C-alpha cells in the first residue's frame, strides 16, 4: 500500500465478488502481525479507468479472481482503477445472437465441471462446459457429485471419462469419498472455479473443502431438479492457501468461441486426422474416417452431432465478435479523422 502527500492511497487486491458497478476486494494490510488478520474485504466502486475500458470492451469489466489496482481517496471513497493482466479467463457468450462475452472467473488454475450422478449425469452438458473450461486456459476436471446416492457410481464415472479427456472424480460430501482428491486440486495456493447446473452440489462441495458452512445449501426439488442457492460468483479461501470460486447454476451456457471445442471432442478430432481429404466435412466424402467410425459403432452419432453443433455455435460467435471489433475500429478511425479535419480548420 502506498500513500502520497495528498492522502491518496494506492494498492493491489483480489476480487472476491462482483456486484452491479462494484466489487468486494480482498486487501492485505502490511501492519498486521498475524497473517490471518492481515486481510480485509473492502467494497469498491468502478474508477474512471475501468469505466472507460468497459465502454468499448465488455471483457474489461472486473470479475471474480481478478488481480486489481485500487485507490483510496481522502473523501473516503475507494475505487477499483485497473485490472491486471489475466493468466486465464473463463468466459461464456453473454446472450444469444450477440457478440458480447461475459467473464466468469479469472486467474484460475482448475475449472471443475460439476455434475450430479443423481438423477443421471448429462453428458451433453458436461461436453459443453468442458469446451468452456478448455478455452479458459486452465486445467479442466469433471467432479461427479452425490456418489453416495448412485449404486453404480464407478461405472457411470468410467462412462463419462470415456468422452471427457480429463480427470473424472466421483465425490460424496456425505461419506467424504473423493473429497481429499478434490482438495488436492487447490493445494499450494491454486484456485479452482466450479461450474455446473443448479442443485448439482457446488455449494456443498465448497463447504466440505472449507470445513465450514460458508454456503447455504438447499435440497433438490421433488422432481430431482436443482434449486438456485448461490446468486453470485464468489471466491472462498480454503485450508492450505488455495481458493474455490462458487458460481450460480448456469441455465444456459453459450460458447464464446470455438477454441475449446476440439479439445473437449479430442476423439472426433483424432478421427478427422485420418480422413482421406484434409478438408473433409464429414458429411459423406469418400474415405471419411469419422463417418466410418460412426458406421462401425466406435463413435456415437449423437457425439458427432454435438461436436458439429458446438463448432458451428463457437464459430458464429467468433464471426460476431470480429464484426463488432471491426465496427469499433471503424468508429474510432472516423472519430480520429473528424478530429484531424477539425484541427486543420482551426489552424490560422
Protein backbone atom coordinates (compact mmCIF):
# COMPACT_ATOMS: atom_id res chain seq x y z
CA UNK A 1 0.00 0.00 0.00
CA UNK A 2 1.33 3.45 -0.95
CA UNK A 3 0.22 6.91 0.13
CA UNK A 4 1.18 10.26 -1.40
CA UNK A 5 1.31 13.70 0.21
CA UNK A 6 -2.34 14.42 -0.65
CA UNK A 7 -3.54 11.41 1.32
CA UNK A 8 -4.39 9.25 -1.70
CA UNK A 9 -3.60 5.58 -1.07
CA UNK A 10 -2.88 3.05 -3.83
CA UNK A 11 -2.78 -0.72 -3.52
CA UNK A 12 -3.46 -4.12 -5.06
CA UNK A 13 -6.07 -6.75 -4.27
CA UNK A 14 -8.05 -9.79 -5.42
CA UNK A 15 -11.72 -9.57 -6.45
CA UNK A 16 -13.81 -11.80 -4.20
CA UNK A 17 -17.23 -10.94 -5.63
CA UNK A 18 -18.69 -8.60 -8.23
CA UNK A 19 -21.96 -6.73 -7.81
CA UNK A 20 -23.52 -4.19 -10.16
CA UNK A 21 -20.93 -1.44 -10.61
CA UNK A 22 -18.88 -2.51 -7.59
CA UNK A 23 -16.76 -5.33 -6.22
CA UNK A 24 -15.73 -6.81 -2.90
CA UNK A 25 -11.93 -6.87 -2.95
CA UNK A 26 -9.52 -8.72 -0.67
CA UNK A 27 -6.86 -6.29 0.54
CA UNK A 28 -3.82 -7.24 2.61
CA UNK A 29 -2.70 -4.91 5.41
CA UNK A 30 1.02 -4.64 5.98
CA UNK A 31 0.66 -3.56 9.63
CA UNK A 32 -0.87 -6.81 10.94
CA UNK A 33 1.43 -9.07 12.96
CA UNK A 34 -0.64 -12.20 12.29
CA UNK A 35 -1.02 -13.17 8.61
CA UNK A 36 -4.51 -14.48 9.35
CA UNK A 37 -5.56 -10.99 10.49
CA UNK A 38 -3.84 -9.19 7.62
CA UNK A 39 -6.76 -9.38 5.19
CA UNK A 40 -9.69 -7.01 4.78
CA UNK A 41 -12.65 -7.26 2.40
CA UNK A 42 -13.34 -3.79 1.01
CA UNK A 43 -16.23 -2.74 -1.22
CA UNK A 44 -15.01 -0.70 -4.19
CA UNK A 45 -16.85 1.08 -6.98
CA UNK A 46 -15.61 1.36 -10.57
CA UNK A 47 -13.00 4.04 -11.15
CA UNK A 48 -12.53 6.07 -14.32
CA UNK A 49 -10.09 3.61 -15.87
CA UNK A 50 -12.50 0.68 -15.52
CA UNK A 51 -15.46 2.69 -16.84
CA UNK A 52 -13.50 3.85 -19.89
CA UNK A 53 -12.22 0.35 -20.71
CA UNK A 54 -15.62 -1.30 -20.22
CA UNK A 55 -17.27 1.20 -22.57
CA UNK A 56 -15.50 -0.43 -25.52
CA UNK A 57 -14.76 -3.95 -24.25
CA UNK A 58 -17.21 -5.93 -22.07
CA UNK A 59 -14.39 -8.25 -21.01
CA UNK A 60 -12.63 -5.32 -19.31
CA UNK A 61 -15.22 -5.42 -16.52
CA UNK A 62 -13.66 -6.95 -13.37
CA UNK A 63 -14.69 -10.48 -12.48
CA UNK A 64 -14.14 -12.82 -9.54
CA UNK A 65 -10.49 -13.80 -9.24
CA UNK A 66 -9.11 -10.70 -10.95
CA UNK A 67 -5.96 -9.08 -9.61
CA UNK A 68 -6.72 -5.37 -9.47
CA UNK A 69 -5.23 -1.98 -8.61
CA UNK A 70 -7.31 0.27 -6.35
CA UNK A 71 -7.21 3.80 -4.98
CA UNK A 72 -8.50 5.17 -1.67
CA UNK A 73 -9.35 8.87 -1.74
CA UNK A 74 -9.24 11.41 1.14
CA UNK A 75 -13.05 11.76 0.98
CA UNK A 76 -13.45 8.09 1.97
CA UNK A 77 -14.16 6.61 -1.47
CA UNK A 78 -12.29 3.52 -2.62
CA UNK A 79 -12.29 2.92 -6.37
CA UNK A 80 -11.14 0.00 -8.45
CA UNK A 81 -8.90 1.53 -11.12
CA UNK A 82 -7.33 -1.22 -13.21
CA UNK A 83 -7.47 -4.96 -13.90
CA UNK A 84 -4.07 -6.62 -14.02
CA UNK A 85 -3.27 -8.95 -16.98
CA UNK A 86 -5.12 -12.25 -16.58
CA UNK A 87 -3.36 -15.64 -16.62
CA UNK A 88 -6.57 -17.46 -17.52
CA UNK A 89 -10.12 -16.32 -18.19
CA UNK A 90 -13.32 -18.36 -18.10
CA UNK A 91 -15.99 -16.74 -20.30
CA UNK A 92 -19.30 -17.51 -21.93
CA UNK A 93 -21.43 -15.81 -24.57
CA UNK A 94 -23.49 -13.20 -22.76
CA UNK A 95 -26.71 -13.56 -24.76
CA UNK A 96 -27.93 -15.43 -27.81
CA UNK A 97 -27.37 -13.54 -31.04
CA UNK A 98 -24.87 -11.06 -29.58
CA UNK A 99 -21.09 -10.83 -29.77
CA UNK A 100 -20.56 -9.96 -26.11
CA UNK A 101 -18.63 -12.29 -23.85
CA UNK A 102 -19.23 -12.44 -20.10
CA UNK A 103 -16.16 -13.03 -17.91
CA UNK A 104 -16.99 -15.63 -15.25
CA UNK A 105 -13.71 -16.10 -13.39
CA UNK A 106 -10.10 -15.04 -13.86
CA UNK A 107 -6.69 -16.40 -12.89
CA UNK A 108 -7.98 -19.86 -12.04
CA UNK A 109 -5.74 -22.91 -12.24
CA UNK A 110 -8.53 -25.50 -12.44
CA UNK A 111 -12.04 -25.35 -13.90
CA UNK A 112 -14.18 -28.08 -12.36
CA UNK A 113 -17.30 -29.11 -14.27
CA UNK A 114 -19.64 -30.30 -11.53
CA UNK A 115 -22.41 -32.74 -12.44
CA UNK A 116 -24.60 -34.86 -10.19
CA UNK A 117 -24.73 -38.63 -10.54
CA UNK A 118 -28.39 -38.42 -9.47
CA UNK A 119 -30.75 -38.43 -11.26
CA UNK A 120 -28.38 -39.01 -14.23
CA UNK A 121 -25.25 -37.20 -15.46
CA UNK A 122 -25.95 -35.11 -18.57
CA UNK A 123 -23.01 -35.89 -20.87
CA UNK A 124 -24.03 -33.23 -23.39
CA UNK A 125 -23.97 -30.54 -20.71
CA UNK A 126 -20.61 -31.86 -19.49
CA UNK A 127 -19.17 -31.63 -23.03
CA UNK A 128 -20.44 -28.06 -23.44
CA UNK A 129 -19.00 -26.95 -20.09
CA UNK A 130 -15.71 -28.70 -20.83
CA UNK A 131 -15.47 -26.68 -24.05
CA UNK A 132 -15.64 -23.53 -21.92
CA UNK A 133 -13.12 -24.95 -19.47
CA UNK A 134 -10.56 -25.87 -22.14
CA UNK A 135 -10.91 -22.43 -23.77
CA UNK A 136 -10.11 -20.69 -20.47
CA UNK A 137 -6.50 -21.87 -20.43
CA UNK A 138 -6.98 -23.58 -17.07
CA UNK A 139 -6.87 -27.31 -16.32
CA UNK A 140 -10.30 -28.98 -16.75
CA UNK A 141 -11.64 -31.68 -14.44
CA UNK A 142 -15.07 -33.29 -14.00
CA UNK A 143 -16.47 -33.76 -10.49
CA UNK A 144 -19.39 -36.21 -10.26
CA UNK A 145 -21.19 -35.45 -7.01
CA UNK A 146 -23.76 -37.38 -4.94
CA UNK A 147 -21.76 -40.59 -5.40
CA UNK A 148 -23.32 -41.98 -2.19
CA UNK A 149 -26.75 -41.97 -3.88
CA UNK A 150 -25.66 -43.86 -7.02
CA UNK A 151 -25.05 -47.60 -6.62
CA UNK A 152 -23.28 -47.66 -10.00
CA UNK A 153 -21.15 -44.53 -9.37
CA UNK A 154 -17.89 -46.14 -10.54
CA UNK A 155 -19.48 -47.42 -13.75
CA UNK A 156 -21.04 -44.02 -14.52
CA UNK A 157 -17.71 -42.29 -13.86
CA UNK A 158 -15.98 -44.60 -16.36
CA UNK A 159 -18.68 -43.86 -18.91
CA UNK A 160 -18.22 -40.10 -18.52
CA UNK A 161 -14.42 -40.43 -18.52
CA UNK A 162 -14.54 -42.18 -21.91
CA UNK A 163 -15.60 -38.91 -23.55
CA UNK A 164 -14.14 -36.31 -21.18
CA UNK A 165 -10.36 -36.50 -21.93
CA UNK A 166 -9.58 -35.08 -18.48
CA UNK A 167 -9.69 -36.41 -14.90
CA UNK A 168 -13.15 -37.52 -13.73
CA UNK A 169 -13.64 -37.83 -9.97
CA UNK A 170 -16.75 -39.27 -8.24
CA UNK A 171 -17.33 -37.37 -4.99
CA UNK A 172 -19.62 -37.60 -1.97
CA UNK A 173 -19.63 -34.84 0.65
CA UNK A 174 -21.83 -37.13 2.81
CA UNK A 175 -19.35 -40.02 3.09
CA UNK A 176 -16.25 -37.93 2.31
CA UNK A 177 -15.27 -40.20 -0.59
CA UNK A 178 -13.25 -38.26 -3.17
CA UNK A 179 -13.15 -35.02 -1.15
CA UNK A 180 -9.41 -35.34 -0.44
CA UNK A 181 -8.75 -35.77 -4.16
CA UNK A 182 -10.69 -32.57 -4.83
CA UNK A 183 -8.86 -30.78 -2.00
CA UNK A 184 -5.57 -31.69 -3.68
CA UNK A 185 -6.66 -29.67 -6.72
CA UNK A 186 -6.47 -26.46 -4.65
CA UNK A 187 -3.27 -27.30 -2.75
CA UNK A 188 -0.29 -24.94 -2.82
CA UNK A 189 -2.37 -21.84 -3.38
CA UNK A 190 -4.17 -22.99 -6.53
CA UNK A 191 -7.59 -21.54 -7.42
CA UNK A 192 -10.45 -23.70 -8.73
CA UNK A 193 -13.67 -22.43 -10.32
CA UNK A 194 -16.80 -24.59 -10.10
CA UNK A 195 -19.30 -24.54 -12.97
CA UNK A 196 -22.47 -26.56 -13.38
CA UNK A 197 -26.24 -26.54 -13.20
CA UNK A 198 -28.26 -25.72 -10.07
CA UNK A 199 -28.55 -28.44 -7.47
CA UNK A 200 -25.50 -30.49 -8.51
CA UNK A 201 -23.78 -29.85 -5.18
CA UNK A 202 -21.35 -27.00 -5.84
CA UNK A 203 -22.12 -25.17 -2.58
CA UNK A 204 -21.95 -28.39 -0.55
CA UNK A 205 -18.56 -29.07 -2.08
CA UNK A 206 -17.32 -25.58 -1.12
CA UNK A 207 -18.45 -26.21 2.46
CA UNK A 208 -16.64 -29.55 2.53
CA UNK A 209 -13.40 -28.00 1.26
CA UNK A 210 -13.55 -25.00 3.58
CA UNK A 211 -14.51 -27.07 6.63
CA UNK A 212 -17.32 -24.69 7.49
CA UNK A 213 -20.86 -23.91 6.37
CA UNK A 214 -19.89 -20.96 4.20
CA UNK A 215 -22.59 -21.51 1.60
CA UNK A 216 -26.27 -22.03 2.26
CA UNK A 217 -27.42 -25.37 0.87
CA UNK A 218 -30.91 -26.32 -0.24
CA UNK A 219 -32.28 -29.75 -1.05
CA UNK A 220 -33.27 -30.91 -4.51
CA UNK A 221 -36.84 -30.34 -5.63
CA UNK A 222 -39.22 -33.28 -5.75
CA UNK A 223 -38.60 -33.72 -9.48
CA UNK A 224 -34.85 -34.09 -8.92
CA UNK A 225 -34.01 -30.69 -10.42
CA UNK A 226 -31.83 -28.20 -8.61
CA UNK A 227 -32.74 -25.05 -6.74
CA UNK A 228 -30.77 -21.84 -7.11
CA UNK A 229 -28.82 -21.18 -3.91
CA UNK A 230 -25.73 -19.23 -4.98
CA UNK A 231 -26.64 -15.93 -6.63
CA UNK A 232 -23.20 -14.56 -7.49
CA UNK A 233 -19.71 -15.87 -8.19
CA UNK A 234 -17.64 -15.64 -5.03
CA UNK A 235 -14.09 -16.62 -4.11
CA UNK A 236 -13.62 -18.53 -0.84
CA UNK A 237 -10.26 -19.25 0.76
CA UNK A 238 -9.74 -22.85 1.91
CA UNK A 239 -7.20 -24.55 4.15
CA UNK A 240 -3.74 -24.73 2.62
CA UNK A 241 -3.89 -21.32 0.97
CA UNK A 242 -5.96 -22.31 -2.06
CA UNK A 243 -9.32 -20.94 -3.08
CA UNK A 244 -12.59 -22.05 -4.66
CA UNK A 245 -14.89 -19.90 -6.78
CA UNK A 246 -18.51 -20.99 -6.48
CA UNK A 247 -20.97 -19.79 -9.09
CA UNK A 248 -24.74 -19.70 -9.66
CA UNK A 249 -26.23 -22.57 -11.60
CA UNK A 250 -25.87 -21.87 -15.32
CA UNK A 251 -29.26 -22.15 -17.03
CA UNK A 252 -27.74 -21.54 -20.46
CA UNK A 253 -24.11 -21.80 -21.44
CA UNK A 254 -23.33 -20.11 -24.74
CA UNK A 255 -19.88 -20.69 -26.17
CA UNK A 256 -17.82 -17.51 -26.55
CA UNK A 257 -15.75 -19.10 -29.34
CA UNK A 258 -14.74 -22.48 -30.75
CA UNK A 259 -11.34 -22.53 -29.05
CA UNK A 260 -12.11 -25.32 -26.58
CA UNK A 261 -14.47 -27.49 -28.62
CA UNK A 262 -11.84 -29.58 -30.37
CA UNK A 263 -10.09 -30.25 -27.05
CA UNK A 264 -13.36 -31.39 -25.47
CA UNK A 265 -14.01 -33.64 -28.50
CA UNK A 266 -10.49 -35.00 -28.94
CA UNK A 267 -11.83 -38.36 -30.18
CA UNK A 268 -13.65 -36.74 -33.11
CA UNK A 269 -10.65 -34.55 -33.98
CA UNK A 270 -8.30 -37.54 -33.86
CA UNK A 271 -10.53 -39.47 -36.26
CA UNK A 272 -10.76 -36.43 -38.57
CA UNK A 273 -6.98 -36.52 -38.88
CA UNK A 274 -7.27 -39.88 -40.63
CA UNK A 275 -9.74 -38.79 -43.31
CA UNK A 276 -8.63 -39.13 -46.94
CA UNK A 277 -9.09 -35.40 -47.60
CA UNK A 278 -7.66 -32.72 -45.32
CA UNK A 279 -10.72 -30.52 -45.89
CA UNK A 280 -13.21 -33.33 -45.24
CA UNK A 281 -16.52 -32.02 -43.88
CA UNK A 282 -17.59 -35.46 -42.57
CA UNK A 283 -20.89 -35.31 -44.40
CA UNK A 284 -20.47 -38.05 -46.99
CA UNK A 285 -17.00 -37.71 -48.53
CA UNK A 286 -15.21 -40.93 -49.54
CA UNK A 287 -12.60 -42.12 -47.10
CA UNK A 288 -14.08 -40.18 -44.16
CA UNK A 289 -12.67 -41.80 -41.01
CA UNK A 290 -15.24 -40.04 -38.82
CA UNK A 291 -18.24 -41.45 -40.68
CA UNK A 292 -16.60 -44.87 -40.82
CA UNK A 293 -16.25 -44.79 -37.02
CA UNK A 294 -19.94 -43.87 -36.70
CA UNK A 295 -20.95 -46.69 -39.04
CA UNK A 296 -18.89 -49.23 -37.07
CA UNK A 297 -20.24 -48.05 -33.73
CA UNK A 298 -16.89 -46.76 -32.43
CA UNK A 299 -18.20 -43.18 -32.39
CA UNK A 300 -21.80 -42.45 -31.33
CA UNK A 301 -23.79 -40.47 -33.89
CA UNK A 302 -25.01 -38.16 -31.11
CA UNK A 303 -21.45 -37.23 -30.19
CA UNK A 304 -20.65 -36.29 -33.79
CA UNK A 305 -23.79 -34.15 -33.93
CA UNK A 306 -22.88 -32.46 -30.64
CA UNK A 307 -19.41 -31.65 -31.99
CA UNK A 308 -20.85 -30.18 -35.18
CA UNK A 309 -23.33 -28.09 -33.22
CA UNK A 310 -20.77 -26.66 -30.79
CA UNK A 311 -18.19 -25.93 -33.51
CA UNK A 312 -20.83 -24.07 -35.54
CA UNK A 313 -22.00 -22.14 -32.46
CA UNK A 314 -18.47 -21.17 -31.48
CA UNK A 315 -17.57 -20.02 -34.98
CA UNK A 316 -20.74 -17.90 -35.21
CA UNK A 317 -19.71 -16.15 -32.02
CA UNK A 318 -16.21 -15.57 -33.42
CA UNK A 319 -17.68 -14.01 -36.56
CA UNK A 320 -19.97 -11.77 -34.49
CA UNK A 321 -17.03 -10.71 -32.33
CA UNK A 322 -14.86 -9.96 -35.38
CA UNK A 323 -17.68 -7.88 -36.88
CA UNK A 324 -18.09 -5.95 -33.62
CA UNK A 325 -14.35 -5.29 -33.32
CA UNK A 326 -14.19 -4.14 -36.94
CA UNK A 327 -17.14 -1.80 -36.39
CA UNK A 328 -15.49 -0.38 -33.27
CA UNK A 329 -12.21 0.13 -35.11
CA UNK A 330 -14.03 1.92 -37.94
CA UNK A 331 -15.82 4.13 -35.42
CA UNK A 332 -12.51 5.13 -33.82
CA UNK A 333 -10.96 5.84 -37.21
CA UNK A 334 -13.90 8.05 -38.20
CA UNK A 335 -13.60 9.94 -34.92
CA UNK A 336 -9.86 10.43 -35.42
CA UNK A 337 -10.37 11.63 -38.99
CA UNK A 338 -13.08 14.06 -37.87
CA UNK A 339 -10.78 15.41 -35.14
CA UNK A 340 -7.92 15.87 -37.62
CA UNK A 341 -10.14 17.74 -40.05
CA UNK A 342 -11.36 20.00 -37.25
CA UNK A 343 -7.79 20.75 -36.17
CA UNK A 344 -6.81 21.74 -39.74
CA UNK A 345 -9.84 24.00 -39.99
CA UNK A 346 -8.85 25.76 -36.76
CA UNK A 347 -5.31 26.48 -37.91
CA UNK A 348 -4.64 30.19 -38.81
